[in-house]
N, C-alpha and C. Protein backbone atom coordinates (compact mmCIF):
# COMPACT_ATOMS: atom_id res chain seq x y z
N UNK A 1 121.22 75.07 115.05
CA UNK A 1 121.11 75.99 114.16
C UNK A 1 122.10 74.88 113.19
N UNK A 2 121.57 74.80 111.63
CA UNK A 2 122.53 74.23 111.10
C UNK A 2 123.65 74.84 110.41
N UNK A 3 124.61 73.94 109.91
CA UNK A 3 125.77 74.38 109.63
C UNK A 3 125.68 75.66 108.55
N UNK A 4 124.92 75.25 107.91
CA UNK A 4 124.34 76.40 106.48
C UNK A 4 124.14 77.90 106.98
N UNK A 5 123.11 77.74 108.42
CA UNK A 5 122.59 79.25 108.44
C UNK A 5 124.14 79.68 109.46
N UNK A 6 124.75 78.74 110.21
CA UNK A 6 125.94 79.50 110.70
C UNK A 6 126.90 80.28 109.46
N UNK A 7 126.80 79.37 108.84
CA UNK A 7 128.07 79.86 107.47
C UNK A 7 127.45 80.57 106.51
N UNK A 8 126.38 81.32 106.33
CA UNK A 8 125.43 82.40 106.35
C UNK A 8 125.49 83.49 107.16
N UNK A 9 125.46 83.24 108.43
CA UNK A 9 125.77 84.26 109.40
C UNK A 9 127.34 84.57 109.48
N UNK A 10 128.18 84.16 109.14
CA UNK A 10 129.27 84.38 109.19
C UNK A 10 129.54 85.24 107.90
N UNK A 11 129.42 84.49 106.99
CA UNK A 11 129.16 84.79 105.36
C UNK A 11 129.03 86.28 105.47
N UNK A 12 127.67 86.99 106.16
CA UNK A 12 127.19 88.29 106.20
C UNK A 12 127.84 89.42 107.35
N UNK A 13 128.97 88.49 108.12
CA UNK A 13 129.00 89.54 109.08
C UNK A 13 130.59 89.99 108.50
N UNK A 14 130.92 89.11 107.74
CA UNK A 14 132.73 89.35 107.33
C UNK A 14 132.59 89.76 106.21
N UNK A 15 132.05 89.20 104.79
CA UNK A 15 132.32 89.73 103.65
C UNK A 15 131.19 90.60 103.36
N UNK A 16 130.06 90.82 103.52
CA UNK A 16 128.93 91.27 102.97
C UNK A 16 128.94 92.85 104.00
N UNK A 17 129.34 92.48 104.63
CA UNK A 17 129.86 93.98 105.72
C UNK A 17 130.83 94.78 104.92
N UNK A 18 131.92 93.97 104.64
CA UNK A 18 132.91 94.71 103.80
C UNK A 18 132.68 95.28 102.29
N UNK A 19 132.03 94.02 101.82
CA UNK A 19 131.57 93.89 100.25
C UNK A 19 131.09 95.53 100.16
N UNK A 20 129.93 95.68 100.91
CA UNK A 20 128.87 96.59 101.00
C UNK A 20 128.85 98.11 101.67
N UNK A 21 130.49 98.18 101.87
CA UNK A 21 130.11 99.18 103.04
C UNK A 21 130.04 100.36 102.32
N UNK A 22 129.49 101.45 102.91
CA UNK A 22 128.88 102.83 102.48
C UNK A 22 128.04 102.72 101.31
N UNK A 23 126.96 101.19 100.94
CA UNK A 23 126.14 101.19 100.10
C UNK A 23 125.18 101.89 99.81
N UNK A 24 124.83 102.86 100.81
CA UNK A 24 123.74 103.00 100.75
C UNK A 24 123.88 104.38 100.22
N UNK A 25 124.93 105.04 99.71
CA UNK A 25 125.21 106.25 99.05
C UNK A 25 125.87 105.67 97.66
N UNK A 26 125.58 104.78 97.40
CA UNK A 26 125.82 104.23 95.87
C UNK A 26 124.85 104.67 94.82
N UNK A 27 124.83 104.88 93.55
CA UNK A 27 123.93 104.60 92.34
C UNK A 27 124.14 103.57 92.00
N UNK A 28 123.50 102.50 92.41
CA UNK A 28 123.80 101.06 91.68
C UNK A 28 123.11 100.54 90.46
N UNK A 29 123.32 100.40 89.20
CA UNK A 29 122.92 99.83 88.25
C UNK A 29 122.66 98.48 88.31
N UNK A 30 121.44 97.82 86.89
CA UNK A 30 121.08 96.89 87.34
C UNK A 30 122.50 95.88 86.86
N UNK A 31 123.57 96.28 85.87
CA UNK A 31 124.63 95.58 85.35
C UNK A 31 125.26 95.28 86.78
N UNK A 32 125.47 96.46 87.70
CA UNK A 32 126.10 96.52 88.87
C UNK A 32 125.78 95.03 90.10
N UNK A 33 124.32 95.27 89.95
CA UNK A 33 123.33 94.53 90.86
C UNK A 33 123.85 93.22 90.26
N UNK A 34 123.93 92.49 88.97
CA UNK A 34 124.26 91.62 88.85
C UNK A 34 125.58 91.28 89.23
N UNK A 35 126.59 91.72 89.09
CA UNK A 35 127.88 91.38 89.22
C UNK A 35 127.69 91.14 90.95
N UNK A 36 127.28 91.89 91.50
CA UNK A 36 127.70 91.77 93.19
C UNK A 36 126.65 90.67 93.50
N UNK A 37 125.92 89.93 92.89
CA UNK A 37 125.00 88.90 93.12
C UNK A 37 125.42 87.52 92.61
N UNK A 38 126.12 87.64 91.56
CA UNK A 38 127.46 86.31 90.91
C UNK A 38 128.44 86.58 91.66
N UNK A 39 129.05 87.62 92.20
CA UNK A 39 130.34 87.67 93.32
C UNK A 39 129.26 86.81 94.81
N UNK A 40 128.56 87.15 95.02
CA UNK A 40 127.80 86.58 96.47
C UNK A 40 127.50 85.33 96.03
N UNK A 41 127.16 85.15 94.92
CA UNK A 41 126.62 83.24 94.87
C UNK A 41 127.69 82.66 94.64
N UNK A 42 128.64 82.91 94.18
CA UNK A 42 130.42 82.11 94.02
C UNK A 42 131.19 81.85 95.23
N UNK A 43 130.61 82.72 95.99
CA UNK A 43 131.41 82.93 96.95
C UNK A 43 130.88 81.59 97.85
N UNK A 44 129.47 82.37 98.25
CA UNK A 44 128.59 81.29 98.98
C UNK A 44 128.33 79.82 98.24
N UNK A 45 128.28 79.49 96.97
CA UNK A 45 128.77 78.34 96.68
C UNK A 45 130.26 77.65 97.03
N UNK A 46 131.29 78.33 97.13
CA UNK A 46 132.33 77.74 97.43
C UNK A 46 132.68 77.43 98.81
N UNK A 47 132.09 78.53 99.91
CA UNK A 47 132.00 78.17 101.41
C UNK A 47 131.21 77.00 101.39
N UNK A 48 130.10 76.72 100.66
CA UNK A 48 129.22 75.44 100.92
C UNK A 48 129.49 74.12 100.09
N UNK A 49 130.70 74.35 99.51
CA UNK A 49 131.10 72.92 98.72
C UNK A 49 130.11 73.00 97.63
N UNK A 50 129.33 73.80 97.25
CA UNK A 50 128.28 73.44 96.02
C UNK A 50 129.09 73.85 94.47
N UNK A 51 129.18 72.63 93.84
CA UNK A 51 129.23 72.84 92.45
C UNK A 51 128.36 73.04 91.57
N UNK A 52 128.53 73.52 90.42
CA UNK A 52 127.33 73.83 89.04
C UNK A 52 126.88 72.41 89.17
N UNK A 53 127.69 71.17 89.21
CA UNK A 53 126.73 70.16 88.70
C UNK A 53 125.96 69.31 89.82
N UNK A 54 126.20 70.28 91.32
CA UNK A 54 124.89 69.63 92.14
C UNK A 54 123.47 70.47 91.31
N UNK A 55 123.65 71.30 90.23
CA UNK A 55 122.34 71.78 90.25
C UNK A 55 121.56 72.10 91.12
N UNK A 56 122.06 73.13 92.32
CA UNK A 56 121.08 73.88 93.36
C UNK A 56 121.11 74.87 92.70
N UNK A 57 119.65 75.72 92.92
CA UNK A 57 119.32 76.89 92.34
C UNK A 57 119.78 78.08 93.20
N UNK A 58 120.00 79.13 92.60
CA UNK A 58 120.77 80.62 93.36
C UNK A 58 119.16 80.81 95.04
N UNK A 59 117.85 80.38 94.30
CA UNK A 59 117.31 80.37 95.57
C UNK A 59 117.14 79.67 96.67
N UNK A 60 117.41 78.25 96.35
CA UNK A 60 117.74 77.17 97.16
C UNK A 60 118.95 77.27 98.19
N UNK A 61 120.14 78.07 97.57
CA UNK A 61 121.24 78.11 98.52
C UNK A 61 120.63 79.30 99.52
N UNK A 62 120.50 80.32 98.89
CA UNK A 62 119.64 81.66 99.78
C UNK A 62 118.78 81.21 101.15
N UNK A 63 118.12 80.22 100.57
CA UNK A 63 116.93 80.08 101.44
C UNK A 63 117.84 78.95 103.10
N UNK A 64 118.96 78.01 102.28
CA UNK A 64 119.46 77.37 103.03
C UNK A 64 120.24 78.26 103.83
N UNK A 65 120.76 79.32 103.50
CA UNK A 65 122.02 80.24 104.40
C UNK A 65 121.13 81.16 105.26
N UNK A 66 120.10 81.21 104.74
CA UNK A 66 119.13 82.54 105.84
C UNK A 66 119.45 83.96 104.92
N UNK A 67 120.21 84.04 103.88
CA UNK A 67 120.68 85.41 103.61
C UNK A 67 119.74 85.74 101.87
N UNK A 68 119.30 87.14 102.51
CA UNK A 68 118.37 87.93 101.02
C UNK A 68 119.10 87.95 99.67
N UNK A 69 118.49 87.97 98.89
CA UNK A 69 119.14 88.51 97.58
C UNK A 69 119.97 89.91 97.57
N UNK A 70 121.08 89.88 96.83
CA UNK A 70 121.69 91.26 96.80
C UNK A 70 120.81 92.29 96.66
N UNK A 71 120.23 92.53 95.42
CA UNK A 71 119.30 93.68 95.70
C UNK A 71 118.33 93.88 96.84
N UNK A 72 118.01 93.04 97.45
CA UNK A 72 117.32 93.26 98.53
C UNK A 72 118.01 93.93 99.70
N UNK A 73 119.32 93.49 99.88
CA UNK A 73 120.14 94.11 100.92
C UNK A 73 120.40 95.38 99.99
N UNK A 74 120.85 95.92 99.14
CA UNK A 74 121.33 97.21 98.83
C UNK A 74 120.28 98.16 98.81
N UNK A 75 118.75 97.11 98.50
CA UNK A 75 117.30 98.25 98.83
C UNK A 75 117.40 98.53 100.13
N UNK A 76 117.63 97.58 101.09
CA UNK A 76 117.53 98.06 103.04
C UNK A 76 118.63 98.81 102.88
N UNK A 77 119.79 98.49 102.38
CA UNK A 77 120.53 99.91 103.05
C UNK A 77 120.46 100.99 102.48
N UNK A 78 119.94 101.57 101.16
CA UNK A 78 119.32 102.55 100.19
C UNK A 78 117.84 103.05 101.69
N UNK A 79 117.53 102.29 101.73
CA UNK A 79 116.12 102.86 102.07
C UNK A 79 116.30 102.97 103.82
N UNK A 80 117.38 102.67 104.47
CA UNK A 80 118.22 103.15 105.76
C UNK A 80 118.71 104.24 106.08
N UNK A 81 119.43 104.43 104.41
CA UNK A 81 120.11 105.96 104.47
C UNK A 81 118.68 106.92 103.89
N UNK A 82 117.78 106.84 103.07
CA UNK A 82 116.83 107.54 103.26
C UNK A 82 116.24 107.62 104.71
N UNK A 83 115.91 107.02 105.46
CA UNK A 83 115.65 106.94 106.29
C UNK A 83 115.71 107.93 107.62
N UNK A 84 117.37 107.74 107.86
CA UNK A 84 118.45 109.10 108.46
C UNK A 84 118.27 110.81 108.15
N UNK A 85 118.02 110.46 106.60
CA UNK A 85 118.11 111.54 106.02
C UNK A 85 116.90 112.64 106.25
N UNK A 86 115.66 111.81 106.58
CA UNK A 86 114.68 112.14 106.70
C UNK A 86 114.02 112.69 108.00
N UNK A 87 115.01 111.99 108.61
CA UNK A 87 114.82 112.30 110.43
C UNK A 87 116.06 113.60 110.92
N UNK A 88 116.59 113.76 109.79
CA UNK A 88 118.07 114.87 109.92
C UNK A 88 117.23 116.19 110.12
N UNK A 89 117.89 117.01 110.74
CA UNK A 89 117.38 118.45 110.50
C UNK A 89 117.72 119.17 109.37
N UNK A 90 117.14 120.09 108.86
CA UNK A 90 116.99 120.55 108.07
C UNK A 90 118.25 121.45 107.52
N UNK A 91 119.15 121.57 108.36
CA UNK A 91 120.56 122.60 108.12
C UNK A 91 121.37 121.31 107.97
N UNK A 92 121.51 120.28 108.18
CA UNK A 92 122.38 119.52 107.82
C UNK A 92 122.72 119.35 106.12
N UNK A 93 123.99 119.34 105.81
CA UNK A 93 124.28 119.18 104.54
C UNK A 93 123.88 118.14 104.04
N UNK A 94 123.71 116.55 104.52
CA UNK A 94 123.36 115.60 103.34
C UNK A 94 122.10 115.69 103.34
N UNK A 95 121.06 116.27 104.25
CA UNK A 95 119.28 116.67 103.83
C UNK A 95 119.26 117.39 102.86
N UNK A 96 120.94 119.03 102.97
CA UNK A 96 120.20 119.62 101.93
C UNK A 96 120.68 119.51 100.87
N UNK A 97 121.40 118.19 100.31
CA UNK A 97 122.24 118.08 99.33
C UNK A 97 120.96 117.17 98.70
N UNK A 98 120.23 116.18 99.69
CA UNK A 98 119.61 115.26 98.74
C UNK A 98 118.03 116.30 98.24
N UNK A 99 117.62 117.66 98.87
CA UNK A 99 116.76 117.67 98.43
C UNK A 99 116.97 118.99 97.53
N UNK A 100 118.37 119.53 96.99
CA UNK A 100 118.67 120.47 96.55
C UNK A 100 118.45 120.45 94.72
N UNK A 101 118.37 121.80 94.16
CA UNK A 101 118.42 121.22 93.03
C UNK A 101 119.45 122.20 91.89
N UNK A 102 119.78 122.19 90.91
CA UNK A 102 120.95 122.94 89.99
C UNK A 102 120.44 123.95 89.70
N UNK A 103 121.05 125.35 90.21
CA UNK A 103 121.03 126.61 90.34
C UNK A 103 121.06 126.98 88.69
N UNK A 104 121.85 126.60 87.91
CA UNK A 104 122.30 127.04 86.25
C UNK A 104 122.71 125.77 86.05
N UNK A 105 122.37 125.94 84.39
CA UNK A 105 122.63 124.51 83.77
C UNK A 105 121.71 123.88 83.28
N UNK A 106 122.32 122.89 82.66
CA UNK A 106 121.53 121.43 82.14
C UNK A 106 122.34 120.60 81.80
N UNK A 107 121.44 119.15 81.91
CA UNK A 107 122.07 117.77 81.46
C UNK A 107 121.92 117.60 80.13
N UNK A 108 122.93 117.58 79.07
CA UNK A 108 123.11 117.17 78.13
C UNK A 108 121.92 116.01 77.99
N UNK A 109 120.97 115.70 77.10
CA UNK A 109 120.79 114.28 76.50
C UNK A 109 120.85 114.06 75.50
N UNK A 110 121.22 112.43 74.96
CA UNK A 110 121.19 112.10 74.26
C UNK A 110 119.88 111.58 73.58
N UNK A 111 119.78 112.00 72.30
CA UNK A 111 118.35 111.21 71.69
C UNK A 111 118.52 109.76 72.17
N UNK A 112 116.94 109.68 72.18
CA UNK A 112 116.35 107.66 72.27
C UNK A 112 116.77 107.17 71.10
N UNK A 113 116.62 107.67 69.95
CA UNK A 113 116.95 106.82 68.65
C UNK A 113 117.48 107.10 67.66
N UNK A 114 117.95 106.72 66.92
CA UNK A 114 118.54 107.38 65.56
C UNK A 114 118.19 108.45 65.03
N UNK A 115 116.66 107.81 65.20
CA UNK A 115 115.37 108.68 63.87
C UNK A 115 115.42 110.15 64.56
N UNK A 116 115.42 110.21 65.91
CA UNK A 116 115.17 111.27 66.49
C UNK A 116 116.56 112.28 66.01
N UNK A 117 117.55 111.81 66.42
CA UNK A 117 118.88 112.38 65.67
C UNK A 117 118.93 112.77 64.27
N UNK A 118 118.25 112.05 63.79
CA UNK A 118 118.25 112.42 62.40
C UNK A 118 117.56 113.86 61.98
N UNK A 119 116.46 113.33 62.26
CA UNK A 119 115.47 114.67 62.45
C UNK A 119 116.01 116.11 63.02
N UNK A 120 116.43 115.72 64.31
CA UNK A 120 117.20 117.04 64.96
C UNK A 120 118.38 117.39 64.27
N UNK A 121 119.44 116.87 63.15
CA UNK A 121 120.32 117.35 62.44
C UNK A 121 119.84 117.23 60.83
N UNK A 122 118.69 117.42 60.46
CA UNK A 122 118.07 117.83 59.58
C UNK A 122 118.29 119.09 58.89
N UNK A 123 118.06 119.84 59.47
CA UNK A 123 118.05 120.89 58.91
C UNK A 123 119.28 121.92 58.60
N UNK A 124 120.74 121.11 59.55
CA UNK A 124 121.70 121.88 58.97
C UNK A 124 122.26 120.68 57.89
N UNK A 125 121.50 119.54 57.76
CA UNK A 125 121.71 118.89 56.89
C UNK A 125 121.13 119.28 55.44
N UNK A 126 119.97 120.08 55.00
CA UNK A 126 119.52 121.03 53.88
C UNK A 126 120.28 122.20 54.20
N UNK A 127 121.22 122.78 55.30
CA UNK A 127 121.50 123.95 55.05
C UNK A 127 123.21 123.26 54.00
N UNK A 128 123.75 122.47 54.44
CA UNK A 128 124.76 122.22 53.63
C UNK A 128 124.19 122.22 52.18
N UNK A 129 123.29 121.31 51.82
CA UNK A 129 122.62 120.58 50.79
C UNK A 129 122.59 122.23 50.23
N UNK A 130 122.03 123.15 50.40
CA UNK A 130 121.92 124.40 49.89
C UNK A 130 123.13 125.02 49.47
N UNK A 131 124.27 124.88 50.24
CA UNK A 131 125.46 125.67 50.11
C UNK A 131 125.86 125.14 49.37
N UNK A 132 126.04 123.74 48.97
CA UNK A 132 126.47 122.92 47.76
C UNK A 132 125.72 122.97 46.35
N UNK A 133 124.48 123.23 46.70
CA UNK A 133 123.75 123.98 44.95
C UNK A 133 123.93 125.19 44.65
N UNK A 134 124.66 125.90 45.49
CA UNK A 134 124.88 127.56 45.25
C UNK A 134 126.38 127.34 44.38
N UNK A 135 127.46 126.72 45.18
CA UNK A 135 128.72 126.70 44.47
C UNK A 135 128.49 125.83 43.33
N UNK A 136 127.78 124.36 43.00
CA UNK A 136 127.65 124.08 41.73
C UNK A 136 127.03 125.00 40.64
N UNK A 137 126.20 126.11 41.21
CA UNK A 137 125.69 126.70 40.41
C UNK A 137 126.49 128.15 39.72
N UNK A 138 127.47 128.60 40.97
CA UNK A 138 128.24 129.70 40.39
C UNK A 138 129.32 129.11 39.94
N UNK A 139 129.38 127.94 39.69
CA UNK A 139 131.13 126.92 39.39
C UNK A 139 130.57 126.78 38.05
N UNK A 140 129.16 126.60 37.46
CA UNK A 140 128.38 125.98 36.25
C UNK A 140 129.26 124.58 36.25
N UNK A 141 128.86 123.74 37.10
CA UNK A 141 129.19 122.80 36.80
C UNK A 141 128.40 121.78 35.93
């Protein structure tokens, strides 16, 4: 076993297990995955004494250490948790939570574009315009 692979195994056992504790329950966004990946690569490079001047790609570093990318790790953890949920009995709370729906209420949605937001507010703006016209006519301005 080469020292790079050994360092990768030690890193995975100590750092990644702590960093990704309970990651199966996270809702992870792309920006967070990028930050976690940057953290991982920065620390692997420091362990392996690789600097930016060495011009080694992240892919090469991961291949040397035998580690998967951060995105692969998170997907694997999430799929493992989903597999556990699928095998659970239906009366267990985690499985009920996964398949439950809100009984009442709704989520507020923000319009996807400013144009849609303008068109939704247009009737109210027209109403204010009409009120303003009525005021100007009664005030004889």
